[in-house]
C-alpha cells in the first residue's frame, strides 16, 4: 500500500513506491505444483478468490507473483496483480504477511491499468515499523486509504506473522479492520471534500466498481485466505 517512500522526503522514491505498473495478462491456468495446498473453504456467504494452488481468476502481472505454500507471494518483479472480476460494494477478507520493510497495497474499485491509488483506491500494506519508512505521512501507514484517510496504528503484528484484514466498501464509506480492530471507518467523499490530505487528484474515489489489485513494489509480501462477499 504506500505504497511508497516518504512523500515529502524523496518524490521520486515515492513515485516508485506508490505507482505500481499494471500489466494485462491472461489468468494463470498452469497445473499446481506438487504438494500445493488447497485453500480452506470460504466463510459462509463468501466466495473464494484464491484456490491456494494457482493464479486462476487473476490477471495482470501473473509473472511477478507466484503461489508458495498456499499463499500468493509478490516476487522482486511483482507489480500489479488484479482479479479478473469487478466488484462494487463488497466485504473482502484476507490474510497477509510481511517481510522487514515490505511495501504493497490492496487496490479496490480500480481499472485494470493505471495507478490503483488514484484511479481507484488503495489500502496500504506496509511494514511501517521499518526505519526506512520513519518519515511517512500519516495517510501512508499500513491500512490507510492512501492519500485520503489515515489508519489508526498499533494493531499490525510483527514481521513474519500473519495479519487478518477486512475491507468493507459500501458506497463511499470504506471500513478497514486489522486483526479484529477497526482502523479506518470513513466516508471518502467527505474525507476528500475541499481536497485530499496528499494534495493529489483522486478520481477513483468516485468509481463505483472495479478490480481488486495487489499493488506490488518488488518486496516479498504473502496473501492467502482471500474471499469476498458482494453487498447489495
Protein backbone atom coordinates (compact mmCIF):
# COMPACT_ATOMS: atom_id res chain seq x y z
CA UNK A 1 0.00 0.00 0.00
CA UNK A 2 2.29 3.24 0.42
CA UNK A 3 2.93 2.27 -1.37
CA UNK A 4 5.88 4.47 -1.49
CA UNK A 5 8.54 6.10 0.43
CA UNK A 6 8.08 9.24 2.38
CA UNK A 7 6.18 11.60 0.16
CA UNK A 8 7.94 14.74 1.29
CA UNK A 9 11.39 13.22 1.54
CA UNK A 10 12.04 11.89 -1.93
CA UNK A 11 9.36 12.43 -4.52
CA UNK A 12 10.93 10.11 -7.00
CA UNK A 13 11.07 7.28 -4.49
CA UNK A 14 7.50 7.94 -3.53
CA UNK A 15 6.52 7.57 -7.12
CA UNK A 16 8.23 4.23 -7.37
CA UNK A 17 6.74 3.06 -4.09
CA UNK A 18 3.27 4.22 -4.88
CA UNK A 19 2.95 3.63 -8.55
CA UNK A 20 2.52 0.01 -9.41
CA UNK A 21 2.83 -0.91 -13.09
CA UNK A 22 -0.29 -2.68 -14.28
CA UNK A 23 0.01 -5.44 -16.87
CA UNK A 24 -2.93 -7.11 -18.53
CA UNK A 25 -2.19 -10.79 -18.82
CA UNK A 26 -4.47 -13.78 -19.08
CA UNK A 27 -5.31 -15.59 -15.83
CA UNK A 28 -2.82 -18.30 -14.92
CA UNK A 29 -4.05 -21.80 -15.66
CA UNK A 30 -0.87 -23.79 -15.11
CA UNK A 31 -1.16 -27.03 -13.17
CA UNK A 32 -0.44 -26.65 -9.45
CA UNK A 33 2.97 -27.68 -8.17
CA UNK A 34 3.33 -30.98 -6.36
CA UNK A 35 2.37 -30.62 -2.71
CA UNK A 36 0.47 -27.38 -3.32
CA UNK A 37 -2.09 -26.58 -0.65
CA UNK A 38 -5.74 -26.16 -1.40
CA UNK A 39 -7.31 -23.04 0.11
CA UNK A 40 -9.67 -23.57 3.05
CA UNK A 41 -13.39 -23.37 2.39
CA UNK A 42 -14.58 -19.74 2.42
CA UNK A 43 -16.70 -18.27 5.19
CA UNK A 44 -20.44 -18.86 4.75
CA UNK A 45 -21.80 -16.34 2.23
CA UNK A 46 -18.34 -15.56 0.84
CA UNK A 47 -16.69 -16.66 -2.42
CA UNK A 48 -13.02 -17.64 -2.52
CA UNK A 49 -10.78 -15.56 -4.81
CA UNK A 50 -7.77 -17.89 -4.50
CA UNK A 51 -7.69 -21.67 -4.74
CA UNK A 52 -4.43 -21.96 -2.80
CA UNK A 53 -2.60 -23.60 -5.70
CA UNK A 54 -2.75 -21.44 -8.86
CA UNK A 55 -3.42 -17.87 -10.03
CA UNK A 56 -6.64 -18.90 -11.75
CA UNK A 57 -9.06 -15.98 -11.64
CA UNK A 58 -6.28 -13.40 -11.60
CA UNK A 59 -4.83 -11.27 -14.38
CA UNK A 60 -2.25 -8.55 -14.89
CA UNK A 61 1.25 -9.33 -13.65
CA UNK A 62 0.87 -13.09 -13.30
CA UNK A 63 4.64 -13.46 -13.86
CA UNK A 64 5.56 -11.24 -10.92
CA UNK A 65 3.59 -13.25 -8.37
CA UNK A 66 3.92 -16.93 -7.50
CA UNK A 67 1.98 -19.39 -5.39
CA UNK A 68 4.08 -20.58 -2.46
CA UNK A 69 2.91 -22.77 0.42
CA UNK A 70 -0.74 -21.96 -0.12
CA UNK A 71 -0.21 -18.20 -0.49
CA UNK A 72 0.24 -15.67 -3.30
CA UNK A 73 3.72 -14.18 -2.98
CA UNK A 74 4.98 -10.98 -4.58
CA UNK A 75 8.43 -11.55 -6.12
CA UNK A 76 11.12 -8.93 -6.86
CA UNK A 77 9.47 -8.45 -10.27
CA UNK A 78 5.95 -8.14 -8.83
CA UNK A 79 3.85 -5.13 -9.68
CA UNK A 80 0.03 -5.18 -10.20
CA UNK A 81 -1.93 -8.41 -9.98
CA UNK A 82 -5.70 -7.99 -10.27
CA UNK A 83 -8.88 -10.03 -10.11
CA UNK A 84 -10.48 -10.92 -13.41
CA UNK A 85 -13.86 -9.96 -11.95
CA UNK A 86 -15.03 -6.49 -10.96
CA UNK A 87 -16.65 -5.58 -7.65
CA UNK A 88 -18.66 -2.61 -6.43
CA UNK A 89 -19.94 -2.84 -2.86
CA UNK A 90 -18.28 -5.76 -1.09
CA UNK A 91 -16.82 -7.29 2.04
CA UNK A 92 -13.30 -8.59 1.41
CA UNK A 93 -11.37 -10.81 3.84
CA UNK A 94 -7.76 -11.92 3.54
CA UNK A 95 -4.58 -12.63 5.45
CA UNK A 96 -1.22 -11.03 4.69
CA UNK A 97 2.34 -11.47 5.92
CA UNK A 98 5.21 -9.00 5.60
CA UNK A 99 8.97 -9.19 5.47
CA UNK A 100 11.05 -6.41 7.01
CA UNK A 101 10.29 -3.14 5.22
CA UNK A 102 7.81 -4.72 2.77
CA UNK A 103 5.55 -2.43 0.75
CA UNK A 104 2.42 -3.43 -1.19
CA UNK A 105 -1.24 -2.47 -1.28
CA UNK A 106 -4.76 -3.59 -1.99
CA UNK A 107 -6.35 -1.63 -4.80
CA UNK A 108 -10.15 -1.55 -4.82
CA UNK A 109 -12.64 -0.43 -7.48
CA UNK A 110 -9.67 0.11 -9.77
CA UNK A 111 -9.42 -0.27 -13.56
CA UNK A 112 -7.02 -2.87 -14.93
CA UNK A 113 -4.45 -0.25 -15.86
CA UNK A 114 -3.15 2.87 -14.19
CA UNK A 115 -2.26 3.58 -10.57
CA UNK A 116 -4.81 1.95 -8.28
CA UNK A 117 -4.14 4.53 -5.55
CA UNK A 118 -5.52 7.29 -7.75
CA UNK A 119 -7.58 5.61 -10.48
CA UNK A 120 -9.28 3.51 -7.78
CA UNK A 121 -8.44 3.44 -4.07
CA UNK A 122 -5.51 1.72 -2.41
CA UNK A 123 -5.45 0.30 1.09
CA UNK A 124 -1.84 0.33 2.27
CA UNK A 125 0.02 -2.89 3.06
CA UNK A 126 3.31 -1.88 4.64
CA UNK A 127 5.80 -2.71 7.35
CA UNK A 128 5.56 0.82 8.68
CA UNK A 129 7.76 -0.09 11.67
CA UNK A 130 10.83 -0.20 9.41
CA UNK A 131 13.41 2.53 9.83
CA UNK A 132 13.29 3.39 6.13
CA UNK A 133 9.64 4.44 6.50
CA UNK A 134 10.17 6.70 9.53
CA UNK A 135 9.31 9.87 7.61
CA UNK A 136 5.99 8.72 6.15
CA UNK A 137 2.91 10.91 6.25
CA UNK A 138 0.05 9.57 8.39
CA UNK A 139 -2.00 8.62 5.32
CA UNK A 140 0.81 6.33 4.15
CA UNK A 141 0.83 3.96 7.12
CA UNK A 142 -0.48 0.40 6.92
CA UNK A 143 -4.21 0.05 6.20
CA UNK A 144 -4.67 3.74 5.36
CA UNK A 145 -6.69 4.70 2.30
CA UNK A 146 -3.62 6.01 0.57
CA UNK A 147 -3.51 9.79 0.37
CA UNK A 148 -7.03 10.15 1.75
CA UNK A 149 -7.70 8.58 5.17
CA UNK A 150 -5.04 7.67 7.75
CA UNK A 151 -5.42 4.38 9.64
CA UNK A 152 -5.26 4.01 13.40
CA UNK A 153 -1.93 2.43 14.29
CA UNK A 154 -0.81 -0.17 16.80
CA UNK A 155 -2.57 -3.29 15.51
CA UNK A 156 -0.07 -4.63 12.96
CA UNK A 157 1.54 -7.92 14.01
CA UNK A 158 5.34 -8.32 13.98
CA UNK A 159 7.09 -9.04 10.70
CA UNK A 160 6.74 -12.70 9.70
CA UNK A 161 3.35 -13.20 11.39
CA UNK A 162 0.04 -13.44 9.55
CA UNK A 163 -2.33 -10.49 9.80
CA UNK A 164 -6.08 -10.70 9.21
CA UNK A 165 -7.62 -7.85 7.25
CA UNK A 166 -11.15 -6.98 6.21
CA UNK A 167 -12.19 -4.24 3.79
CA UNK A 168 -15.84 -3.26 3.55
CA UNK A 169 -16.79 -0.91 0.72
CA UNK A 170 -20.37 0.33 0.77
CA UNK A 171 -20.98 3.36 -1.38
CA UNK A 172 -18.45 5.99 -0.38
CA UNK A 173 -17.94 4.51 3.10
CA UNK A 174 -14.81 2.45 3.50
CA UNK A 175 -14.17 0.38 6.62
CA UNK A 176 -10.91 -1.46 7.25
CA UNK A 177 -10.35 -3.93 10.06
CA UNK A 178 -6.90 -5.18 11.03
CA UNK A 179 -6.64 -8.18 13.35
CA UNK A 180 -10.15 -7.54 14.64
CA UNK A 181 -9.72 -3.78 15.19
CA UNK A 182 -11.45 -1.09 13.13
CA UNK A 183 -8.60 1.09 11.88
CA UNK A 184 -10.46 3.03 9.17
CA UNK A 185 -14.14 3.93 9.05
CA UNK A 186 -14.71 6.91 6.82
CA UNK A 187 -16.79 8.39 4.04
CA UNK A 188 -14.15 9.07 1.39
CA UNK A 189 -16.39 11.64 -0.29
CA UNK A 190 -16.40 13.67 2.92
CA UNK A 191 -12.73 13.00 3.63
CA UNK A 192 -11.77 14.44 0.25
CA UNK A 193 -14.15 17.38 0.28
CA UNK A 194 -12.11 20.50 -0.33
CA UNK A 195 -9.07 18.44 -1.29
CA UNK A 196 -7.31 15.27 -0.22
CA UNK A 197 -4.64 15.22 2.52
CA UNK A 198 -1.92 14.37 -0.02
CA UNK A 199 -2.96 17.24 -2.27
CA UNK A 200 -3.34 14.91 -5.25
CA UNK A 201 -6.27 14.30 -7.57
CA UNK A 202 -8.03 11.00 -6.77
CA UNK A 203 -10.66 10.46 -9.49
CA UNK A 204 -11.00 6.84 -8.37
CA UNK A 205 -12.85 7.93 -5.23
CA UNK A 206 -15.91 8.39 -7.43
CA UNK A 207 -15.71 4.95 -9.05
CA UNK A 208 -18.50 2.58 -8.06
CA UNK A 209 -16.86 -0.67 -9.20
CA UNK A 210 -13.62 -2.13 -10.48
CA UNK A 211 -10.98 -4.78 -9.93
CA UNK A 212 -9.18 -5.72 -6.73
CA UNK A 213 -5.40 -5.37 -7.08
CA UNK A 214 -2.31 -6.39 -5.22
CA UNK A 215 -0.04 -3.41 -5.83
CA UNK A 216 3.49 -4.71 -5.58
CA UNK A 217 6.80 -2.90 -5.49
CA UNK A 218 9.04 -5.94 -5.68
CA UNK A 219 9.01 -6.59 -1.93
CA UNK A 220 8.10 -10.02 -0.53
CA UNK A 221 4.51 -9.97 0.71
CA UNK A 222 2.26 -13.01 1.06
CA UNK A 223 -1.55 -13.19 0.73
CA UNK A 224 -3.87 -16.10 1.50
CA UNK A 225 -7.44 -16.95 2.58
CA UNK A 226 -8.76 -14.36 0.10
CA UNK A 227 -12.56 -14.27 -0.03
CA UNK A 228 -15.29 -11.81 -0.90
CA UNK A 229 -18.99 -11.23 -0.42
CA UNK A 230 -20.78 -8.81 -2.72
CA UNK A 231 -23.13 -6.46 -0.88
CA UNK A 232 -26.49 -5.38 -2.19
